[in-house]
Amino acid sequence: MNLRNHKTLKVLSILFGVVIIIFGLLYVNFAVYPFTSTTPNYSDVERVFNRMTFPADWKLEKETINKGIAGRQCPIESETACFLKSKTFTLKDKNIVSMLKDLLEETGCKDPVMTDNTDSEGRRVVEYECSIDAVSLGVSYDFRTYELFVFANS
């Protein structure tokens, strides 16, 4: 092997190594732990959601969390709100409508928007929604199933 072939092989090896490192960094950034973070990200959603306090006698049925990629980025294929934290309770209370508004106002929401829907079957659902620091907050109560759904997302 002559000297020129040896130098060419060395340069190609170095270039191949650099390409492998670049692809490795891209994989880590897009699939494992992003180097940059969107705003708002999951920590913002969680911070706003955790301002709400739930009485101990509320029966928690389900809790949902979607952190996206490491709580910092949403996958490219994500079509809906990526960062989400929610809880579903079963609750029978006559003062539920005023409690829903109070629940959002304790987070710092100013004037949550209320929607009171009754469908053709007589099913009534009351919802309140607002936004804090680009994080959407909402609560809804189904009077037929007694389900209270509380969420924060971005």
N, C-alpha and C. Protein backbone atom coordinates (compact mmCIF):
# COMPACT_ATOMS: atom_id res chain seq x y z
N MET A 1 0.85 -1.17 0.00
CA MET A 1 0.00 0.00 0.00
C MET A 1 0.90 1.24 0.00
N ASN A 2 0.62 2.12 -0.92
CA ASN A 2 1.45 3.31 -0.97
C ASN A 2 0.94 4.38 0.00
N LEU A 3 1.70 5.41 0.17
CA LEU A 3 1.40 6.47 1.14
C LEU A 3 0.13 7.22 0.79
N ARG A 4 -0.11 7.45 -0.50
CA ARG A 4 -1.29 8.19 -0.93
C ARG A 4 -2.58 7.44 -0.59
N ASN A 5 -2.63 6.16 -0.83
CA ASN A 5 -3.81 5.34 -0.48
C ASN A 5 -4.03 5.32 1.03
N HIS A 6 -2.95 5.29 1.78
CA HIS A 6 -3.05 5.30 3.23
C HIS A 6 -3.67 6.60 3.74
N LYS A 7 -3.24 7.75 3.17
CA LYS A 7 -3.80 9.05 3.56
C LYS A 7 -5.27 9.16 3.16
N THR A 8 -5.63 8.68 1.99
CA THR A 8 -7.02 8.71 1.52
C THR A 8 -7.90 7.88 2.44
N LEU A 9 -7.41 6.70 2.82
CA LEU A 9 -8.17 5.83 3.72
C LEU A 9 -8.36 6.49 5.09
N LYS A 10 -7.34 7.17 5.56
CA LYS A 10 -7.42 7.86 6.85
C LYS A 10 -8.45 9.00 6.79
N VAL A 11 -8.43 9.79 5.71
CA VAL A 11 -9.38 10.89 5.55
C VAL A 11 -10.81 10.35 5.45
N LEU A 12 -11.00 9.29 4.69
CA LEU A 12 -12.34 8.69 4.56
C LEU A 12 -12.83 8.15 5.90
N SER A 13 -11.95 7.57 6.68
CA SER A 13 -12.31 7.06 8.01
C SER A 13 -12.77 8.20 8.92
N ILE A 14 -12.03 9.30 8.87
CA ILE A 14 -12.39 10.46 9.69
C ILE A 14 -13.74 11.02 9.24
N LEU A 15 -13.95 11.17 7.94
CA LEU A 15 -15.23 11.67 7.44
C LEU A 15 -16.38 10.74 7.82
N PHE A 16 -16.16 9.45 7.71
CA PHE A 16 -17.20 8.48 8.10
C PHE A 16 -17.52 8.62 9.59
N GLY A 17 -16.50 8.79 10.40
CA GLY A 17 -16.71 8.98 11.85
C GLY A 17 -17.51 10.24 12.14
N VAL A 18 -17.20 11.33 11.43
CA VAL A 18 -17.92 12.60 11.63
C VAL A 18 -19.39 12.43 11.22
N VAL A 19 -19.64 11.76 10.11
CA VAL A 19 -21.02 11.52 9.66
C VAL A 19 -21.78 10.69 10.69
N ILE A 20 -21.16 9.66 11.22
CA ILE A 20 -21.80 8.83 12.26
C ILE A 20 -22.12 9.67 13.49
N ILE A 21 -21.21 10.52 13.91
CA ILE A 21 -21.45 11.38 15.08
C ILE A 21 -22.61 12.34 14.81
N ILE A 22 -22.65 12.93 13.62
CA ILE A 22 -23.75 13.85 13.28
C ILE A 22 -25.09 13.13 13.31
N PHE A 23 -25.15 11.96 12.70
CA PHE A 23 -26.41 11.20 12.73
C PHE A 23 -26.78 10.79 14.16
N GLY A 24 -25.79 10.46 14.97
CA GLY A 24 -26.06 10.12 16.37
C GLY A 24 -26.64 11.30 17.13
N LEU A 25 -26.07 12.49 16.93
CA LEU A 25 -26.59 13.68 17.59
C LEU A 25 -28.00 14.03 17.12
N LEU A 26 -28.25 13.88 15.82
CA LEU A 26 -29.59 14.14 15.29
C LEU A 26 -30.60 13.16 15.88
N TYR A 27 -30.23 11.89 16.00
CA TYR A 27 -31.12 10.90 16.59
C TYR A 27 -31.44 11.26 18.03
N VAL A 28 -30.42 11.60 18.80
CA VAL A 28 -30.65 11.98 20.20
C VAL A 28 -31.56 13.19 20.26
N ASN A 29 -31.32 14.20 19.44
CA ASN A 29 -32.12 15.43 19.47
C ASN A 29 -33.57 15.18 19.10
N PHE A 30 -33.84 14.37 18.08
CA PHE A 30 -35.21 14.19 17.61
C PHE A 30 -35.94 13.02 18.25
N ALA A 31 -35.26 12.11 18.91
CA ALA A 31 -35.95 10.94 19.44
C ALA A 31 -35.73 10.69 20.93
N VAL A 32 -34.64 11.15 21.48
CA VAL A 32 -34.34 10.81 22.87
C VAL A 32 -34.48 12.02 23.79
N TYR A 33 -33.67 13.01 23.60
CA TYR A 33 -33.70 14.21 24.45
C TYR A 33 -33.35 15.42 23.62
N PRO A 34 -34.36 16.22 23.29
CA PRO A 34 -34.11 17.40 22.44
C PRO A 34 -33.18 18.41 23.10
N PHE A 35 -32.33 19.01 22.30
CA PHE A 35 -31.41 20.03 22.81
C PHE A 35 -32.12 21.37 23.00
N THR A 36 -33.23 21.56 22.29
CA THR A 36 -34.01 22.79 22.44
C THR A 36 -35.38 22.43 22.99
N SER A 37 -36.07 23.41 23.51
CA SER A 37 -37.38 23.18 24.11
C SER A 37 -38.40 24.14 23.52
N THR A 38 -39.60 23.62 23.26
CA THR A 38 -40.67 24.50 22.81
C THR A 38 -41.22 25.26 24.01
N THR A 39 -41.93 26.32 23.72
CA THR A 39 -42.57 27.09 24.78
C THR A 39 -44.02 27.28 24.42
N PRO A 40 -44.96 26.90 25.23
CA PRO A 40 -44.79 26.22 26.50
C PRO A 40 -44.47 24.74 26.29
N ASN A 41 -43.80 24.16 27.26
CA ASN A 41 -43.49 22.74 27.21
C ASN A 41 -44.21 22.04 28.37
N TYR A 42 -43.89 20.77 28.59
CA TYR A 42 -44.63 20.01 29.60
C TYR A 42 -44.46 20.61 31.01
N SER A 43 -43.29 21.11 31.33
CA SER A 43 -43.11 21.67 32.67
C SER A 43 -44.02 22.88 32.90
N ASP A 44 -44.29 23.66 31.85
CA ASP A 44 -45.22 24.78 31.95
C ASP A 44 -46.65 24.27 32.19
N VAL A 45 -47.03 23.25 31.43
CA VAL A 45 -48.37 22.66 31.59
C VAL A 45 -48.53 22.12 33.01
N GLU A 46 -47.54 21.38 33.47
CA GLU A 46 -47.61 20.79 34.81
C GLU A 46 -47.65 21.87 35.90
N ARG A 47 -46.85 22.92 35.73
CA ARG A 47 -46.83 24.01 36.73
C ARG A 47 -48.21 24.64 36.87
N VAL A 48 -48.88 24.93 35.74
CA VAL A 48 -50.20 25.55 35.78
C VAL A 48 -51.22 24.56 36.35
N PHE A 49 -51.17 23.31 35.91
CA PHE A 49 -52.12 22.30 36.39
C PHE A 49 -52.00 22.10 37.90
N ASN A 50 -50.79 22.09 38.40
CA ASN A 50 -50.57 21.82 39.83
C ASN A 50 -51.02 22.96 40.74
N ARG A 51 -51.42 24.09 40.17
CA ARG A 51 -51.99 25.18 40.99
C ARG A 51 -53.38 24.81 41.50
N MET A 52 -54.02 23.87 40.82
CA MET A 52 -55.36 23.45 41.24
C MET A 52 -55.25 22.48 42.41
N THR A 53 -56.11 22.68 43.38
CA THR A 53 -56.16 21.75 44.51
C THR A 53 -57.49 21.01 44.47
N PHE A 54 -57.41 19.72 44.65
CA PHE A 54 -58.59 18.88 44.59
C PHE A 54 -58.89 18.34 45.99
N PRO A 55 -60.14 18.49 46.44
CA PRO A 55 -60.49 17.96 47.77
C PRO A 55 -60.23 16.46 47.88
N ALA A 56 -59.87 16.03 49.05
CA ALA A 56 -59.52 14.62 49.29
C ALA A 56 -60.69 13.67 49.04
N ASP A 57 -61.93 14.16 49.18
CA ASP A 57 -63.08 13.27 49.01
C ASP A 57 -63.48 13.07 47.55
N TRP A 58 -62.81 13.74 46.60
CA TRP A 58 -63.09 13.52 45.19
C TRP A 58 -62.46 12.20 44.77
N LYS A 59 -63.24 11.36 44.13
CA LYS A 59 -62.77 10.03 43.74
C LYS A 59 -62.08 10.10 42.37
N LEU A 60 -60.75 9.92 42.38
CA LEU A 60 -59.97 9.96 41.15
C LEU A 60 -60.17 8.67 40.38
N GLU A 61 -60.61 8.80 39.12
CA GLU A 61 -60.84 7.64 38.27
C GLU A 61 -59.66 7.38 37.33
N LYS A 62 -59.11 8.46 36.77
CA LYS A 62 -58.07 8.30 35.77
C LYS A 62 -57.19 9.55 35.73
N GLU A 63 -55.92 9.33 35.45
CA GLU A 63 -54.99 10.43 35.27
C GLU A 63 -54.23 10.20 33.96
N THR A 64 -54.12 11.24 33.15
CA THR A 64 -53.44 11.12 31.86
C THR A 64 -52.32 12.15 31.78
N ILE A 65 -51.18 11.70 31.29
CA ILE A 65 -50.02 12.57 31.12
C ILE A 65 -49.42 12.30 29.75
N ASN A 66 -49.14 13.37 29.00
CA ASN A 66 -48.41 13.24 27.74
C ASN A 66 -47.29 14.26 27.79
N LYS A 67 -46.06 13.77 27.89
CA LYS A 67 -44.90 14.65 28.01
C LYS A 67 -44.22 14.92 26.68
N GLY A 68 -44.69 14.33 25.59
CA GLY A 68 -44.00 14.50 24.32
C GLY A 68 -42.64 13.83 24.39
N ILE A 69 -41.64 14.42 23.79
CA ILE A 69 -40.27 13.88 23.84
C ILE A 69 -39.55 14.55 24.99
N ALA A 70 -39.35 13.81 26.06
CA ALA A 70 -38.62 14.27 27.25
C ALA A 70 -39.20 15.55 27.84
N GLY A 71 -40.49 15.82 27.58
CA GLY A 71 -41.13 17.00 28.12
C GLY A 71 -40.71 18.30 27.46
N ARG A 72 -39.95 18.20 26.37
CA ARG A 72 -39.36 19.39 25.76
C ARG A 72 -39.86 19.67 24.34
N GLN A 73 -40.17 18.64 23.57
CA GLN A 73 -40.60 18.80 22.18
C GLN A 73 -41.76 17.86 21.90
N CYS A 74 -42.53 18.20 20.87
CA CYS A 74 -43.60 17.33 20.40
C CYS A 74 -43.09 16.55 19.20
N PRO A 75 -43.51 15.29 19.09
CA PRO A 75 -43.13 14.54 17.89
C PRO A 75 -43.68 15.23 16.64
N ILE A 76 -43.00 15.08 15.53
CA ILE A 76 -43.40 15.71 14.28
C ILE A 76 -44.80 15.27 13.88
N GLU A 77 -45.13 14.00 14.13
CA GLU A 77 -46.43 13.47 13.70
C GLU A 77 -47.58 13.85 14.65
N SER A 78 -47.32 14.61 15.70
CA SER A 78 -48.35 15.00 16.65
C SER A 78 -49.34 15.96 16.00
N GLU A 79 -50.62 15.59 16.01
CA GLU A 79 -51.65 16.42 15.39
C GLU A 79 -52.45 17.23 16.41
N THR A 80 -52.43 16.82 17.66
CA THR A 80 -53.20 17.50 18.68
C THR A 80 -52.25 18.12 19.70
N ALA A 81 -52.83 18.66 20.75
CA ALA A 81 -52.01 19.23 21.82
C ALA A 81 -51.09 18.16 22.37
N CYS A 82 -49.83 18.41 22.31
CA CYS A 82 -48.84 17.40 22.67
C CYS A 82 -48.69 17.28 24.18
N PHE A 83 -48.46 18.38 24.84
CA PHE A 83 -48.23 18.34 26.28
C PHE A 83 -49.58 18.39 26.98
N LEU A 84 -49.85 17.39 27.81
CA LEU A 84 -51.16 17.27 28.45
C LEU A 84 -51.02 16.68 29.83
N LYS A 85 -51.80 17.21 30.74
CA LYS A 85 -51.98 16.60 32.06
C LYS A 85 -53.46 16.73 32.38
N SER A 86 -54.09 15.60 32.75
CA SER A 86 -55.52 15.64 33.06
C SER A 86 -55.86 14.64 34.15
N LYS A 87 -56.98 14.90 34.78
CA LYS A 87 -57.53 13.99 35.79
C LYS A 87 -59.03 13.90 35.57
N THR A 88 -59.56 12.71 35.78
CA THR A 88 -61.00 12.48 35.71
C THR A 88 -61.47 12.00 37.08
N PHE A 89 -62.48 12.66 37.61
CA PHE A 89 -63.04 12.32 38.92
C PHE A 89 -64.49 11.91 38.75
N THR A 90 -64.98 11.11 39.70
CA THR A 90 -66.40 10.86 39.82
C THR A 90 -66.86 11.67 41.03
N LEU A 91 -67.88 12.52 40.80
CA LEU A 91 -68.26 13.47 41.84
C LEU A 91 -69.73 13.82 41.74
N LYS A 92 -70.45 13.66 42.84
CA LYS A 92 -71.85 14.10 42.90
C LYS A 92 -71.91 15.25 43.89
N ASP A 93 -72.23 16.42 43.39
CA ASP A 93 -72.29 17.60 44.24
C ASP A 93 -73.26 18.60 43.62
N LYS A 94 -74.14 19.15 44.44
CA LYS A 94 -75.14 20.09 43.94
C LYS A 94 -74.55 21.43 43.55
N ASN A 95 -73.42 21.80 44.13
CA ASN A 95 -72.79 23.09 43.86
C ASN A 95 -71.65 22.98 42.85
N ILE A 96 -71.72 21.98 42.00
CA ILE A 96 -70.60 21.69 41.11
C ILE A 96 -70.29 22.83 40.15
N VAL A 97 -71.29 23.52 39.64
CA VAL A 97 -71.03 24.56 38.64
C VAL A 97 -70.19 25.68 39.22
N SER A 98 -70.49 26.13 40.42
CA SER A 98 -69.68 27.19 41.03
C SER A 98 -68.29 26.65 41.41
N MET A 99 -68.21 25.37 41.75
CA MET A 99 -66.92 24.77 42.09
C MET A 99 -66.00 24.72 40.87
N LEU A 100 -66.58 24.48 39.69
CA LEU A 100 -65.77 24.41 38.47
C LEU A 100 -65.08 25.75 38.21
N LYS A 101 -65.84 26.81 38.30
CA LYS A 101 -65.28 28.14 38.08
C LYS A 101 -64.20 28.45 39.12
N ASP A 102 -64.48 28.14 40.38
CA ASP A 102 -63.51 28.39 41.45
C ASP A 102 -62.21 27.60 41.23
N LEU A 103 -62.35 26.38 40.72
CA LEU A 103 -61.19 25.53 40.47
C LEU A 103 -60.23 26.18 39.47
N LEU A 104 -60.79 26.78 38.42
CA LEU A 104 -59.95 27.46 37.43
C LEU A 104 -59.43 28.79 37.95
N GLU A 105 -60.26 29.52 38.67
CA GLU A 105 -59.83 30.83 39.15
C GLU A 105 -58.69 30.74 40.15
N GLU A 106 -58.58 29.63 40.88
CA GLU A 106 -57.48 29.50 41.84
C GLU A 106 -56.13 29.33 41.14
N THR A 107 -56.14 29.02 39.86
CA THR A 107 -54.89 28.93 39.09
C THR A 107 -54.43 30.28 38.59
N GLY A 108 -55.31 31.28 38.67
CA GLY A 108 -54.99 32.60 38.16
C GLY A 108 -55.77 32.95 36.91
N CYS A 109 -56.67 32.06 36.49
CA CYS A 109 -57.52 32.35 35.32
C CYS A 109 -58.44 33.52 35.63
N LYS A 110 -58.48 34.45 34.72
CA LYS A 110 -59.40 35.58 34.84
C LYS A 110 -60.57 35.33 33.90
N ASP A 111 -61.76 35.37 34.41
CA ASP A 111 -62.99 35.22 33.63
C ASP A 111 -63.00 34.00 32.72
N PRO A 112 -63.01 32.78 33.29
CA PRO A 112 -63.11 31.59 32.44
C PRO A 112 -64.42 31.60 31.64
N VAL A 113 -64.37 31.10 30.42
CA VAL A 113 -65.53 31.07 29.54
C VAL A 113 -66.35 29.81 29.84
N MET A 114 -67.64 30.00 30.08
CA MET A 114 -68.52 28.88 30.41
C MET A 114 -69.36 28.48 29.20
N THR A 115 -69.53 27.17 29.04
CA THR A 115 -70.42 26.62 28.03
C THR A 115 -71.32 25.62 28.74
N ASP A 116 -72.62 25.78 28.57
CA ASP A 116 -73.60 24.87 29.18
C ASP A 116 -74.37 24.21 28.04
N ASN A 117 -74.09 22.94 27.80
CA ASN A 117 -74.71 22.21 26.68
C ASN A 117 -75.66 21.14 27.18
N THR A 118 -76.81 21.07 26.55
CA THR A 118 -77.76 19.98 26.78
C THR A 118 -78.10 19.41 25.42
N ASP A 119 -77.83 18.10 25.23
CA ASP A 119 -78.10 17.51 23.92
C ASP A 119 -79.55 17.04 23.83
N SER A 120 -79.89 16.44 22.69
CA SER A 120 -81.28 16.02 22.43
C SER A 120 -81.75 14.92 23.37
N GLU A 121 -80.81 14.21 23.98
CA GLU A 121 -81.17 13.14 24.93
C GLU A 121 -81.28 13.66 26.37
N GLY A 122 -81.08 14.94 26.56
CA GLY A 122 -81.16 15.53 27.89
C GLY A 122 -79.86 15.45 28.68
N ARG A 123 -78.78 15.09 28.04
CA ARG A 123 -77.49 15.01 28.71
C ARG A 123 -76.90 16.41 28.81
N ARG A 124 -76.62 16.85 30.03
CA ARG A 124 -76.10 18.19 30.27
C ARG A 124 -74.62 18.13 30.63
N VAL A 125 -73.83 18.95 29.94
CA VAL A 125 -72.40 19.05 30.21
C VAL A 125 -72.06 20.54 30.35
N VAL A 126 -71.43 20.87 31.47
CA VAL A 126 -71.00 22.25 31.73
C VAL A 126 -69.48 22.28 31.62
N GLU A 127 -68.98 23.27 30.87
CA GLU A 127 -67.53 23.40 30.67
C GLU A 127 -67.09 24.82 30.97
N TYR A 128 -65.89 24.93 31.52
CA TYR A 128 -65.21 26.21 31.69
C TYR A 128 -63.84 26.08 31.05
N GLU A 129 -63.41 27.11 30.33
CA GLU A 129 -62.08 27.10 29.72
C GLU A 129 -61.45 28.47 29.85
N CYS A 130 -60.12 28.45 29.93
CA CYS A 130 -59.35 29.69 29.95
C CYS A 130 -57.92 29.37 29.54
N SER A 131 -57.08 30.39 29.52
CA SER A 131 -55.70 30.21 29.13
C SER A 131 -54.80 31.03 30.04
N ILE A 132 -53.69 30.43 30.44
CA ILE A 132 -52.68 31.11 31.25
C ILE A 132 -51.32 30.84 30.61
N ASP A 133 -50.59 31.88 30.28
CA ASP A 133 -49.24 31.73 29.72
C ASP A 133 -49.20 30.72 28.57
N ALA A 134 -50.15 30.80 27.65
CA ALA A 134 -50.25 29.92 26.48
C ALA A 134 -50.57 28.47 26.83
N VAL A 135 -51.00 28.21 28.06
CA VAL A 135 -51.45 26.89 28.47
C VAL A 135 -52.97 26.94 28.59
N SER A 136 -53.65 26.03 27.90
CA SER A 136 -55.11 25.97 27.97
C SER A 136 -55.52 25.14 29.18
N LEU A 137 -56.47 25.68 29.92
CA LEU A 137 -57.01 24.98 31.08
C LEU A 137 -58.50 24.77 30.86
N GLY A 138 -59.01 23.66 31.34
CA GLY A 138 -60.43 23.43 31.21
C GLY A 138 -60.94 22.43 32.21
N VAL A 139 -62.22 22.57 32.52
CA VAL A 139 -62.93 21.60 33.34
C VAL A 139 -64.29 21.36 32.69
N SER A 140 -64.75 20.13 32.75
CA SER A 140 -66.09 19.83 32.25
C SER A 140 -66.73 18.82 33.19
N TYR A 141 -68.03 18.99 33.34
CA TYR A 141 -68.78 18.09 34.22
C TYR A 141 -69.98 17.55 33.47
N ASP A 142 -70.12 16.23 33.46
CA ASP A 142 -71.23 15.54 32.82
C ASP A 142 -72.22 15.16 33.92
N PHE A 143 -73.40 15.77 33.88
CA PHE A 143 -74.39 15.55 34.93
C PHE A 143 -75.01 14.16 34.88
N ARG A 144 -74.89 13.46 33.75
CA ARG A 144 -75.44 12.11 33.65
C ARG A 144 -74.50 11.07 34.26
N THR A 145 -73.22 11.18 33.94
CA THR A 145 -72.25 10.20 34.43
C THR A 145 -71.53 10.65 35.69
N TYR A 146 -71.75 11.89 36.09
CA TYR A 146 -71.09 12.49 37.26
C TYR A 146 -69.57 12.53 37.10
N GLU A 147 -69.11 12.64 35.86
CA GLU A 147 -67.68 12.71 35.61
C GLU A 147 -67.21 14.15 35.50
N LEU A 148 -66.15 14.44 36.24
CA LEU A 148 -65.50 15.73 36.20
C LEU A 148 -64.15 15.53 35.53
N PHE A 149 -63.93 16.22 34.41
CA PHE A 149 -62.67 16.11 33.66
C PHE A 149 -61.95 17.44 33.78
N VAL A 150 -60.71 17.40 34.24
CA VAL A 150 -59.88 18.58 34.44
C VAL A 150 -58.62 18.42 33.62
N PHE A 151 -58.24 19.44 32.83
CA PHE A 151 -57.06 19.29 31.99
C PHE A 151 -56.29 20.59 31.84
N ALA A 152 -55.02 20.43 31.51
CA ALA A 152 -54.16 21.53 31.07
C ALA A 152 -53.37 21.00 29.90
N ASN A 153 -53.27 21.79 28.82
CA ASN A 153 -52.50 21.34 27.66
C ASN A 153 -51.94 22.53 26.89
N SER A 154 -51.05 22.20 25.98
CA SER A 154 -50.51 23.24 25.09
C SER A 154 -50.32 22.65 23.71
